[in-house]
C-alpha atoms as a PDB file:
ATOM      1  CA  UNK A   1      94.727-152.906-136.204  1.00  0.00           C
ATOM      2  CA  UNK A   2      98.495-152.505-135.731  1.00  0.00           C
ATOM      3  CA  UNK A   3      99.582-150.272-138.612  1.00  0.00           C
ATOM      4  CA  UNK A   4     103.286-150.807-137.988  1.00  0.00           C
ATOM      5  CA  UNK A   5     102.824-154.559-138.190  1.00  0.00           C
ATOM      6  CA  UNK A   6     100.880-154.198-141.432  1.00  0.00           C
ATOM      7  CA  UNK A   7     103.658-152.032-142.867  1.00  0.00           C
ATOM      8  CA  UNK A   8     106.258-154.678-142.065  1.00  0.00           C
ATOM      9  CA  UNK A   9     104.086-157.641-143.070  1.00  0.00           C
ATOM     10  CA  UNK A  10     103.215-156.328-146.522  1.00  0.00           C
ATOM     11  CA  UNK A  11     106.250-154.175-147.234  1.00  0.00           C
ATOM     12  CA  UNK A  12     104.373-150.887-147.350  1.00  0.00           C
ATOM     13  CA  UNK A  13     106.254-147.591-147.228  1.00  0.00           C
ATOM     14  CA  UNK A  14     104.974-144.217-146.071  1.00  0.00           C
ATOM     15  CA  UNK A  15     101.737-143.365-144.332  1.00  0.00           C
ATOM     16  CA  UNK A  16      98.903-145.882-144.140  1.00  0.00           C
ATOM     17  CA  UNK A  17      95.291-144.736-144.191  1.00  0.00           C
ATOM     18  CA  UNK A  18      92.936-147.401-142.862  1.00  0.00           C
ATOM     19  CA  UNK A  19      89.147-147.004-142.969  1.00  0.00           C
ATOM     20  CA  UNK A  20      86.293-149.432-142.412  1.00  0.00           C
ATOM     21  CA  UNK A  21      84.608-150.835-145.506  1.00  0.00           C
ATOM     22  CA  UNK A  22      81.803-153.384-145.824  1.00  0.00           C
ATOM     23  CA  UNK A  23      81.506-156.356-143.484  1.00  0.00           C
ATOM     24  CA  UNK A  24      79.980-159.772-143.933  1.00  0.00           C
ATOM     25  CA  UNK A  25      79.349-162.874-141.880  1.00  0.00           C
ATOM     26  CA  UNK A  26      82.975-163.980-142.020  1.00  0.00           C
ATOM     27  CA  UNK A  27      84.927-160.755-141.912  1.00  0.00           C
ATOM     28  CA  UNK A  28      85.414-157.002-142.014  1.00  0.00           C
ATOM     29  CA  UNK A  29      86.947-155.221-145.004  1.00  0.00           C
ATOM     30  CA  UNK A  30      89.390-152.388-144.317  1.00  0.00           C
ATOM     31  CA  UNK A  31      90.236-149.914-147.076  1.00  0.00           C
ATOM     32  CA  UNK A  32      93.988-149.258-147.246  1.00  0.00           C
ATOM     33  CA  UNK A  33      95.096-146.028-148.975  1.00  0.00           C
ATOM     34  CA  UNK A  34      92.386-146.493-151.633  1.00  0.00           C
ATOM     35  CA  UNK A  35      94.640-149.198-153.102  1.00  0.00           C
ATOM     36  CA  UNK A  36      94.059-152.400-151.131  1.00  0.00           C
ATOM     37  CA  UNK A  37      91.183-154.159-149.403  1.00  0.00           C
ATOM     38  CA  UNK A  38      92.359-155.880-146.207  1.00  0.00           C
ATOM     39  CA  UNK A  39      89.994-158.555-144.913  1.00  0.00           C
ATOM     40  CA  UNK A  40      89.955-159.218-141.175  1.00  0.00           C
ATOM     41  CA  UNK A  41      88.628-162.756-140.664  1.00  0.00           C
ATOM     42  CA  UNK A  42      86.353-163.085-137.637  1.00  0.00           C
ATOM     43  CA  UNK A  43      86.312-166.810-136.998  1.00  0.00           C
ATOM     44  CA  UNK A  44      88.273-169.863-138.122  1.00  0.00           C
ATOM     45  CA  UNK A  45      90.335-169.003-141.204  1.00  0.00           C
ATOM     46  CA  UNK A  46      90.262-171.079-144.385  1.00  0.00           C
ATOM     47  CA  UNK A  47      92.879-173.779-144.723  1.00  0.00           C
ATOM     48  CA  UNK A  48      95.912-173.234-146.916  1.00  0.00           C
ATOM     49  CA  UNK A  49      94.493-175.852-149.276  1.00  0.00           C
ATOM     50  CA  UNK A  50      91.246-173.868-149.539  1.00  0.00           C
ATOM     51  CA  UNK A  51      93.153-170.671-150.285  1.00  0.00           C
ATOM     52  CA  UNK A  52      95.182-172.465-152.956  1.00  0.00           C
ATOM     53  CA  UNK A  53      91.978-173.815-154.527  1.00  0.00           C
ATOM     54  CA  UNK A  54      90.498-170.314-154.506  1.00  0.00           C
ATOM     55  CA  UNK A  55      93.552-168.836-156.226  1.00  0.00           C
ATOM     56  CA  UNK A  56      93.496-171.540-158.919  1.00  0.00           C
ATOM     57  CA  UNK A  57      89.812-171.099-159.672  1.00  0.00           C
ATOM     58  CA  UNK A  58      90.010-167.316-159.617  1.00  0.00           C
ATOM     59  CA  UNK A  59      92.732-167.530-162.266  1.00  0.00           C
ATOM     60  CA  UNK A  60      90.432-169.690-164.427  1.00  0.00           C
ATOM     61  CA  UNK A  61      87.495-167.340-163.866  1.00  0.00           C
ATOM     62  CA  UNK A  62      89.556-164.280-164.733  1.00  0.00           C
ATOM     63  CA  UNK A  63      90.748-165.926-167.951  1.00  0.00           C
ATOM     64  CA  UNK A  64      87.093-166.644-168.783  1.00  0.00           C
ATOM     65  CA  UNK A  65      86.217-162.946-168.532  1.00  0.00           C
ATOM     66  CA  UNK A  66      84.967-162.789-164.940  1.00  0.00           C
ATOM     67  CA  UNK A  67      86.141-159.640-163.149  1.00  0.00           C
ATOM     68  CA  UNK A  68      87.409-160.016-159.579  1.00  0.00           C
ATOM     69  CA  UNK A  69      89.847-158.351-157.155  1.00  0.00           C
ATOM     70  CA  UNK A  70      93.402-159.667-157.353  1.00  0.00           C
ATOM     71  CA  UNK A  71      94.658-161.378-154.187  1.00  0.00           C
ATOM     72  CA  UNK A  72      98.083-160.425-152.770  1.00  0.00           C
ATOM     73  CA  UNK A  73     100.522-162.308-150.495  1.00  0.00           C
ATOM     74  CA  UNK A  74     102.473-160.878-147.582  1.00  0.00           C
ATOM     75  CA  UNK A  75     106.259-160.429-147.789  1.00  0.00           C
ATOM     76  CA  UNK A  76     106.763-164.129-147.018  1.00  0.00           C
ATOM     77  CA  UNK A  77     104.526-165.219-149.901  1.00  0.00           C
ATOM     78  CA  UNK A  78     101.577-166.194-147.684  1.00  0.00           C
ATOM     79  CA  UNK A  79      98.084-165.292-148.868  1.00  0.00           C
ATOM     80  CA  UNK A  80      96.719-165.987-145.371  1.00  0.00           C
ATOM     81  CA  UNK A  81      98.539-163.831-142.817  1.00  0.00           C
ATOM     82  CA  UNK A  82      98.361-164.160-139.037  1.00  0.00           C
ATOM     83  CA  UNK A  83      99.062-161.132-136.856  1.00  0.00           C
ATOM     84  CA  UNK A  84     100.798-161.354-133.447  1.00  0.00           C
ATOM     85  CA  UNK A  85      97.384-160.806-131.853  1.00  0.00           C
ATOM     86  CA  UNK A  86      96.002-163.916-133.551  1.00  0.00           C
ATOM     87  CA  UNK A  87      93.917-162.131-136.192  1.00  0.00           C
ATOM     88  CA  UNK A  88      93.934-163.651-139.685  1.00  0.00           C
ATOM     89  CA  UNK A  89      94.130-161.371-142.726  1.00  0.00           C
ATOM     90  CA  UNK A  90      93.713-161.567-146.509  1.00  0.00           C
ATOM     91  CA  UNK A  91      94.779-158.780-148.897  1.00  0.00           C
ATOM     92  CA  UNK A  92      93.112-157.868-152.211  1.00  0.00           C
ATOM     93  CA  UNK A  93      92.993-155.006-154.664  1.00  0.00           C
ATOM     94  CA  UNK A  94      90.578-152.244-153.690  1.00  0.00           C
ATOM     95  CA  UNK A  95      88.022-151.567-156.439  1.00  0.00           C
ATOM     96  CA  UNK A  96      85.452-148.786-156.176  1.00  0.00           C
ATOM     97  CA  UNK A  97      82.219-150.724-156.489  1.00  0.00           C
ATOM     98  CA  UNK A  98      78.535-149.986-156.074  1.00  0.00           C
ATOM     99  CA  UNK A  99      75.443-152.176-155.650  1.00  0.00           C
ATOM    100  CA  UNK A 100      73.866-153.591-158.791  1.00  0.00           C
ATOM    101  CA  UNK A 101      70.271-152.545-159.449  1.00  0.00           C
ATOM    102  CA  UNK A 102      68.312-155.815-159.764  1.00  0.00           C
ATOM    103  CA  UNK A 103      65.422-153.936-161.429  1.00  0.00           C
ATOM    104  CA  UNK A 104      67.562-152.589-164.288  1.00  0.00           C
ATOM    105  CA  UNK A 105      66.495-154.223-167.571  1.00  0.00           C
ATOM    106  CA  UNK A 106      70.017-155.479-168.317  1.00  0.00           C
ATOM    107  CA  UNK A 107      70.724-157.021-164.900  1.00  0.00           C
ATOM    108  CA  UNK A 108      69.150-160.486-165.395  1.00  0.00           C
ATOM    109  CA  UNK A 109      71.062-160.925-168.659  1.00  0.00           C
ATOM    110  CA  UNK A 110      74.329-159.798-167.039  1.00  0.00           C
ATOM    111  CA  UNK A 111      73.862-162.134-164.079  1.00  0.00           C
ATOM    112  CA  UNK A 112      72.943-165.138-166.199  1.00  0.00           C
ATOM    113  CA  UNK A 113      75.923-164.589-168.497  1.00  0.00           C
ATOM    114  CA  UNK A 114      78.255-164.159-165.518  1.00  0.00           C
ATOM    115  CA  UNK A 115      77.153-167.411-163.888  1.00  0.00           C
ATOM    116  CA  UNK A 116      77.437-169.282-167.180  1.00  0.00           C
ATOM    117  CA  UNK A 117      81.036-168.092-167.550  1.00  0.00           C
ATOM    118  CA  UNK A 118      81.850-169.277-164.046  1.00  0.00           C
ATOM    119  CA  UNK A 119      80.298-172.684-164.624  1.00  0.00           C
ATOM    120  CA  UNK A 120      81.808-173.193-168.062  1.00  0.00           C
ATOM    121  CA  UNK A 121      85.361-172.692-166.779  1.00  0.00           C
ATOM    122  CA  UNK A 122      84.850-174.642-163.536  1.00  0.00           C
ATOM    123  CA  UNK A 123      86.601-178.027-163.280  1.00  0.00           C
ATOM    124  CA  UNK A 124      84.844-181.109-161.898  1.00  0.00           C
ATOM    125  CA  UNK A 125      85.558-181.724-158.230  1.00  0.00           C
ATOM    126  CA  UNK A 126      84.737-184.454-155.679  1.00  0.00           C
ATOM    127  CA  UNK A 127      82.561-183.881-152.603  1.00  0.00           C
ATOM    128  CA  UNK A 128      84.392-182.222-149.718  1.00  0.00           C
ATOM    129  CA  UNK A 129      82.254-183.551-146.868  1.00  0.00           C
ATOM    130  CA  UNK A 130      80.664-180.139-146.205  1.00  0.00           C
ATOM    131  CA  UNK A 131      76.946-180.622-145.460  1.00  0.00           C
ATOM    132  CA  UNK A 132      76.126-176.876-145.258  1.00  0.00           C
ATOM    133  CA  UNK A 133      74.517-176.928-148.717  1.00  0.00           C
ATOM    134  CA  UNK A 134      72.842-180.348-148.502  1.00  0.00           C
ATOM    135  CA  UNK A 135      71.494-180.963-144.985  1.00  0.00           C
ATOM    136  CA  UNK A 136      68.863-178.997-143.066  1.00  0.00           C
ATOM    137  CA  UNK A 137      69.318-178.350-139.325  1.00  0.00           C
ATOM    138  CA  UNK A 138      67.192-180.699-137.215  1.00  0.00           C
ATOM    139  CA  UNK A 139      63.731-179.491-136.183  1.00  0.00           C
ATOM    140  CA  UNK A 140      64.667-179.328-132.485  1.00  0.00           C
ATOM    141  CA  UNK A 141      67.000-176.407-133.243  1.00  0.00           C
ATOM    142  CA  UNK A 142      64.036-174.124-133.993  1.00  0.00           C
ATOM    143  CA  UNK A 143      61.805-173.878-130.885  1.00  0.00           C
ATOM    144  CA  UNK A 144      60.998-170.214-131.571  1.00  0.00           C
ATOM    145  CA  UNK A 145      60.426-170.669-135.293  1.00  0.00           C
ATOM    146  CA  UNK A 146      59.217-174.271-135.549  1.00  0.00           C
ATOM    147  CA  UNK A 147      56.016-173.475-137.460  1.00  0.00           C
ATOM    148  CA  UNK A 148      57.781-171.319-140.049  1.00  0.00           C
ATOM    149  CA  UNK A 149      60.513-173.915-140.625  1.00  0.00           C
ATOM    150  CA  UNK A 150      58.123-176.879-140.674  1.00  0.00           C
ATOM    151  CA  UNK A 151      56.212-175.273-143.545  1.00  0.00           C
ATOM    152  CA  UNK A 152      59.222-175.635-145.836  1.00  0.00           C
ATOM    153  CA  UNK A 153      59.296-178.696-148.073  1.00  0.00           C
ATOM    154  CA  UNK A 154      61.755-181.447-147.155  1.00  0.00           C
ATOM    155  CA  UNK A 155      63.969-181.269-150.236  1.00  0.00           C
ATOM    156  CA  UNK A 156      67.157-182.370-148.528  1.00  0.00           C
ATOM    157  CA  UNK A 157      68.999-184.560-151.032  1.00  0.00           C
ATOM    158  CA  UNK A 158      72.718-184.889-151.713  1.00  0.00           C
ATOM    159  CA  UNK A 159      73.833-183.753-155.152  1.00  0.00           C
ATOM    160  CA  UNK A 160      75.015-186.395-157.611  1.00  0.00           C
ATOM    161  CA  UNK A 161      78.833-186.459-157.246  1.00  0.00           C
ATOM    162  CA  UNK A 162      79.058-186.642-161.041  1.00  0.00           C
ATOM    163  CA  UNK A 163      77.404-183.183-161.245  1.00  0.00           C
ATOM    164  CA  UNK A 164      79.820-181.394-158.915  1.00  0.00           C
ATOM    165  CA  UNK A 165      82.013-178.557-160.173  1.00  0.00           C
ATOM    166  CA  UNK A 166      83.928-175.812-158.359  1.00  0.00           C
ATOM    167  CA  UNK A 167      81.447-173.018-157.555  1.00  0.00           C
ATOM    168  CA  UNK A 168      81.529-169.652-155.790  1.00  0.00           C
ATOM    169  CA  UNK A 169      78.482-170.709-153.686  1.00  0.00           C
ATOM    170  CA  UNK A 170      77.644-167.212-152.376  1.00  0.00           C
ATOM    171  CA  UNK A 171      76.592-165.034-155.338  1.00  0.00           C
ATOM    172  CA  UNK A 172      74.114-162.796-153.522  1.00  0.00           C
ATOM    173  CA  UNK A 173      73.837-159.041-154.251  1.00  0.00           C
ATOM    174  CA  UNK A 174      76.551-158.070-151.754  1.00  0.00           C
ATOM    175  CA  UNK A 175      79.085-160.265-153.558  1.00  0.00           C
ATOM    176  CA  UNK A 176      78.288-159.292-157.158  1.00  0.00           C
ATOM    177  CA  UNK A 177      78.840-155.559-157.528  1.00  0.00           C
ATOM    178  CA  UNK A 178      79.148-152.998-160.316  1.00  0.00           C
ATOM    179  CA  UNK A 179      82.382-151.320-161.383  1.00  0.00           C
ATOM    180  CA  UNK A 180      82.337-147.655-162.498  1.00  0.00           C
ATOM    181  CA  UNK A 181      81.884-148.782-166.127  1.00  0.00           C
ATOM    182  CA  UNK A 182      78.846-150.904-165.193  1.00  0.00           C
ATOM    183  CA  UNK A 183      80.560-154.269-165.526  1.00  0.00           C
ATOM    184  CA  UNK A 184      79.987-156.891-162.841  1.00  0.00           C
ATOM    185  CA  UNK A 185      82.718-157.761-160.340  1.00  0.00           C
ATOM    186  CA  UNK A 186      82.590-160.874-158.127  1.00  0.00           C
ATOM    187  CA  UNK A 187      84.015-160.542-154.603  1.00  0.00           C
ATOM    188  CA  UNK A 188      84.274-162.696-151.448  1.00  0.00           C
ATOM    189  CA  UNK A 189      85.322-166.142-152.681  1.00  0.00           C
ATOM    190  CA  UNK A 190      85.598-167.609-149.170  1.00  0.00           C
ATOM    191  CA  UNK A 191      82.753-170.117-149.645  1.00  0.00           C
ATOM    192  CA  UNK A 192      84.188-171.607-152.850  1.00  0.00           C
ATOM    193  CA  UNK A 193      83.735-175.354-153.165  1.00  0.00           C
ATOM    194  CA  UNK A 194      81.846-178.198-154.860  1.00  0.00           C
ATOM    195  CA  UNK A 195      78.243-177.733-155.979  1.00  0.00           C
ATOM    196  CA  UNK A 196      75.942-178.879-158.757  1.00  0.00           C
ATOM    197  CA  UNK A 197      75.572-175.978-161.205  1.00  0.00           C
ATOM    198  CA  UNK A 198      71.775-176.133-161.261  1.00  0.00           C
ATOM    199  CA  UNK A 199      71.725-175.775-157.476  1.00  0.00           C
ATOM    200  CA  UNK A 200      73.911-172.671-157.511  1.00  0.00           C
ATOM    201  CA  UNK A 201      71.714-171.298-160.307  1.00  0.00           C
ATOM    202  CA  UNK A 202      68.531-171.927-158.285  1.00  0.00           C
ATOM    203  CA  UNK A 203      70.001-170.183-155.281  1.00  0.00           C
ATOM    204  CA  UNK A 204      71.084-167.188-157.365  1.00  0.00           C
ATOM    205  CA  UNK A 205      67.546-166.757-158.727  1.00  0.00           C
ATOM    206  CA  UNK A 206      66.167-166.417-155.195  1.00  0.00           C
ATOM    207  CA  UNK A 207      69.056-164.336-153.886  1.00  0.00           C
ATOM    208  CA  UNK A 208      68.387-161.720-156.543  1.00  0.00           C
ATOM    209  CA  UNK A 209      64.688-161.925-157.347  1.00  0.00           C
ATOM    210  CA  UNK A 210      62.779-163.070-154.277  1.00  0.00           C
ATOM    211  CA  UNK A 211      62.637-160.540-151.451  1.00  0.00           C
ATOM    212  CA  UNK A 212      60.232-162.024-148.945  1.00  0.00           C
ATOM    213  CA  UNK A 213      56.770-162.142-150.543  1.00  0.00           C
ATOM    214  CA  UNK A 214      58.002-160.249-153.638  1.00  0.00           C
ATOM    215  CA  UNK A 215      58.774-162.859-156.289  1.00  0.00           C
ATOM    216  CA  UNK A 216      59.863-161.576-159.730  1.00  0.00           C
ATOM    217  CA  UNK A 217      59.243-164.544-162.020  1.00  0.00           C
ATOM    218  CA  UNK A 218      59.873-162.526-165.178  1.00  0.00           C
ATOM    219  CA  UNK A 219      63.354-161.525-164.023  1.00  0.00           C
ATOM    220  CA  UNK A 220      64.107-165.081-162.880  1.00  0.00           C
ATOM    221  CA  UNK A 221      63.132-166.460-166.287  1.00  0.00           C
ATOM    222  CA  UNK A 222      65.233-163.790-168.033  1.00  0.00           C
ATOM    223  CA  UNK A 223      68.287-164.655-165.909  1.00  0.00           C
ATOM    224  CA  UNK A 224      67.758-168.358-166.561  1.00  0.00           C
ATOM    225  CA  UNK A 225      67.389-167.810-170.318  1.00  0.00           C
ATOM    226  CA  UNK A 226      70.574-165.714-170.431  1.00  0.00           C
ATOM    227  CA  UNK A 227      72.431-168.439-168.541  1.00  0.00           C
ATOM    228  CA  UNK A 228      71.295-171.086-171.043  1.00  0.00           C
ATOM    229  CA  UNK A 229      72.151-168.879-174.052  1.00  0.00           C
ATOM    230  CA  UNK A 230      75.646-168.315-172.660  1.00  0.00           C
ATOM    231  CA  UNK A 231      76.278-172.049-172.407  1.00  0.00           C
ATOM    232  CA  UNK A 232      75.687-172.599-168.710  1.00  0.00           C
ATOM    233  CA  UNK A 233      75.423-176.364-168.011  1.00  0.00           C
ATOM    234  CA  UNK A 234      72.823-176.329-165.198  1.00  0.00           C
ATOM    235  CA  UNK A 235      69.107-176.979-165.730  1.00  0.00           C
ATOM    236  CA  UNK A 236      66.530-176.607-162.944  1.00  0.00           C
ATOM    237  CA  UNK A 237      64.082-179.481-163.410  1.00  0.00           C
ATOM    238  CA  UNK A 238      63.411-180.995-159.997  1.00  0.00           C
ATOM    239  CA  UNK A 239      62.377-179.738-156.535  1.00  0.00           C
ATOM    240  CA  UNK A 240      65.641-181.148-155.166  1.00  0.00           C
ATOM    241  CA  UNK A 241      67.475-178.479-157.173  1.00  0.00           C
ATOM    242  CA  UNK A 242      66.407-176.045-154.414  1.00  0.00           C
ATOM    243  CA  UNK A 243      68.247-178.051-151.729  1.00  0.00           C
ATOM    244  CA  UNK A 244      71.307-175.758-151.575  1.00  0.00           C
ATOM    245  CA  UNK A 245      69.080-172.680-151.409  1.00  0.00           C
ATOM    246  CA  UNK A 246      67.109-173.898-148.396  1.00  0.00           C
ATOM    247  CA  UNK A 247      69.951-175.708-146.623  1.00  0.00           C
ATOM    248  CA  UNK A 248      72.362-172.768-146.828  1.00  0.00           C
ATOM    249  CA  UNK A 249      69.755-170.264-145.649  1.00  0.00           C
ATOM    250  CA  UNK A 250      68.654-172.411-142.723  1.00  0.00           C
ATOM    251  CA  UNK A 251      72.206-173.239-141.666  1.00  0.00           C
ATOM    252  CA  UNK A 252      73.210-169.571-141.863  1.00  0.00           C
ATOM    253  CA  UNK A 253      70.141-168.556-139.851  1.00  0.00           C
ATOM    254  CA  UNK A 254      70.943-171.122-137.159  1.00  0.00           C
ATOM    255  CA  UNK A 255      74.523-169.832-136.841  1.00  0.00           C
ATOM    256  CA  UNK A 256      73.251-166.259-136.383  1.00  0.00           C
ATOM    257  CA  UNK A 257      70.745-167.392-133.757  1.00  0.00           C
ATOM    258  CA  UNK A 258      73.547-169.045-131.792  1.00  0.00           C
ATOM    259  CA  UNK A 259      75.740-165.938-132.051  1.00  0.00           C
ATOM    260  CA  UNK A 260      72.894-163.726-130.855  1.00  0.00           C
ATOM    261  CA  UNK A 261      72.218-165.766-127.684  1.00  0.00           C
ATOM    262  CA  UNK A 262      75.862-166.484-126.805  1.00  0.00           C
ATOM    263  CA  UNK A 263      76.744-164.302-123.764  1.00  0.00           C
ATOM    264  CA  UNK A 264      80.367-164.176-124.947  1.00  0.00           C
ATOM    265  CA  UNK A 265      79.466-162.527-128.261  1.00  0.00           C
ATOM    266  CA  UNK A 266      80.858-159.033-128.768  1.00  0.00           C
ATOM    267  CA  UNK A 267      78.129-156.358-129.043  1.00  0.00           C
ATOM    268  CA  UNK A 268      79.071-155.495-132.661  1.00  0.00           C
ATOM    269  CA  UNK A 269      78.697-159.131-133.699  1.00  0.00           C
ATOM    270  CA  UNK A 270      75.425-159.563-131.776  1.00  0.00           C
ATOM    271  CA  UNK A 271      73.914-156.488-133.413  1.00  0.00           C
ATOM    272  CA  UNK A 272      74.926-157.755-136.835  1.00  0.00           C
ATOM    273  CA  UNK A 273      73.504-161.227-136.083  1.00  0.00           C
ATOM    274  CA  UNK A 274      70.193-159.739-134.929  1.00  0.00           C
ATOM    275  CA  UNK A 275      69.837-157.910-138.252  1.00  0.00           C
ATOM    276  CA  UNK A 276      70.699-161.063-140.187  1.00  0.00           C
ATOM    277  CA  UNK A 277      68.113-163.084-138.249  1.00  0.00           C
ATOM    278  CA  UNK A 278      65.355-160.603-139.072  1.00  0.00           C
ATOM    279  CA  UNK A 279      66.294-160.623-142.742  1.00  0.00           C
ATOM    280  CA  UNK A 280      66.832-164.393-142.867  1.00  0.00           C
ATOM    281  CA  UNK A 281      63.356-165.124-141.541  1.00  0.00           C
ATOM    282  CA  UNK A 282      61.804-162.584-143.903  1.00  0.00           C
ATOM    283  CA  UNK A 283      63.410-164.010-147.063  1.00  0.00           C
ATOM    284  CA  UNK A 284      62.970-167.721-146.374  1.00  0.00           C
ATOM    285  CA  UNK A 285      61.227-169.067-149.499  1.00  0.00           C
ATOM    286  CA  UNK A 286      57.796-170.600-149.162  1.00  0.00           C
ATOM    287  CA  UNK A 287      56.716-173.903-150.653  1.00  0.00           C
ATOM    288  CA  UNK A 288      54.403-172.021-153.028  1.00  0.00           C
ATOM    289  CA  UNK A 289      57.252-169.839-154.286  1.00  0.00           C
ATOM    290  CA  UNK A 290      59.413-172.871-155.050  1.00  0.00           C
ATOM    291  CA  UNK A 291      56.541-174.471-156.958  1.00  0.00           C
ATOM    292  CA  UNK A 292      55.840-171.300-158.925  1.00  0.00           C
ATOM    293  CA  UNK A 293      59.489-170.855-159.922  1.00  0.00           C
ATOM    294  CA  UNK A 294      59.871-174.464-161.021  1.00  0.00           C
ATOM    295  CA  UNK A 295      56.715-174.199-163.128  1.00  0.00           C
ATOM    296  CA  UNK A 296      57.808-170.918-164.710  1.00  0.00           C
ATOM    297  CA  UNK A 297      61.249-172.245-165.643  1.00  0.00           C
ATOM    298  CA  UNK A 298      59.765-175.365-167.187  1.00  0.00           C
END
């Protein structure tokens, strides 16, 4: 990272201390002077329209009581900055955060209330043509895992366009973290887009309370009840409500498999993909788990 370029691009004075923070599938976070979080985007950056949509929805979410890092532009007013080397950057406030304990008695209530706030302030939106959350990869993509994938129910069904609202679409435990006072903070809004609220709710239940064979139905029901009490509009009533859960996990797994076998992949990205593949296969829901959750919520 060219520190002199960063100083000029963002108008920073004095010394710059840059240290590696967390990384995800789409980028690496760099901690800047304990003040900013600089995101280095690994692959294709979001469009300017997507960034604008993110900024608009984040403003609505913040007004609704959802805590999130503030996004900052460069000196030219651009929230998506390209370096001379071709790297794309986003800049946010740095907040000292820690993982949320899913087993804490208050966590399901906090998560359900948080998601309800997001959904209540979210405007309706049309489909965007993205099939990541609605279509499963074809069976011929899985020669090494065909039996495991074939055991999943075929729930692939497009959401009703009338149900679509703007959603975060990636509220797993690495993107919902705890501030020093215990309040929840939502980070990494890169996947923001249209979704049916009940489908995002179903995915959140499994992201937080199904770790491989360990299925915590009590916590799922508590999160769901808190969401309903807080005015969340989604209701999980049909097996098709698990479409986004399965489609997103299978599509993500397929991307990591391709990264891992690509000879051009950098070693750091291959190592990360290998870990994600192991975890992705371990946490794929089973047909029995989906049936048990639907029955419990009913």
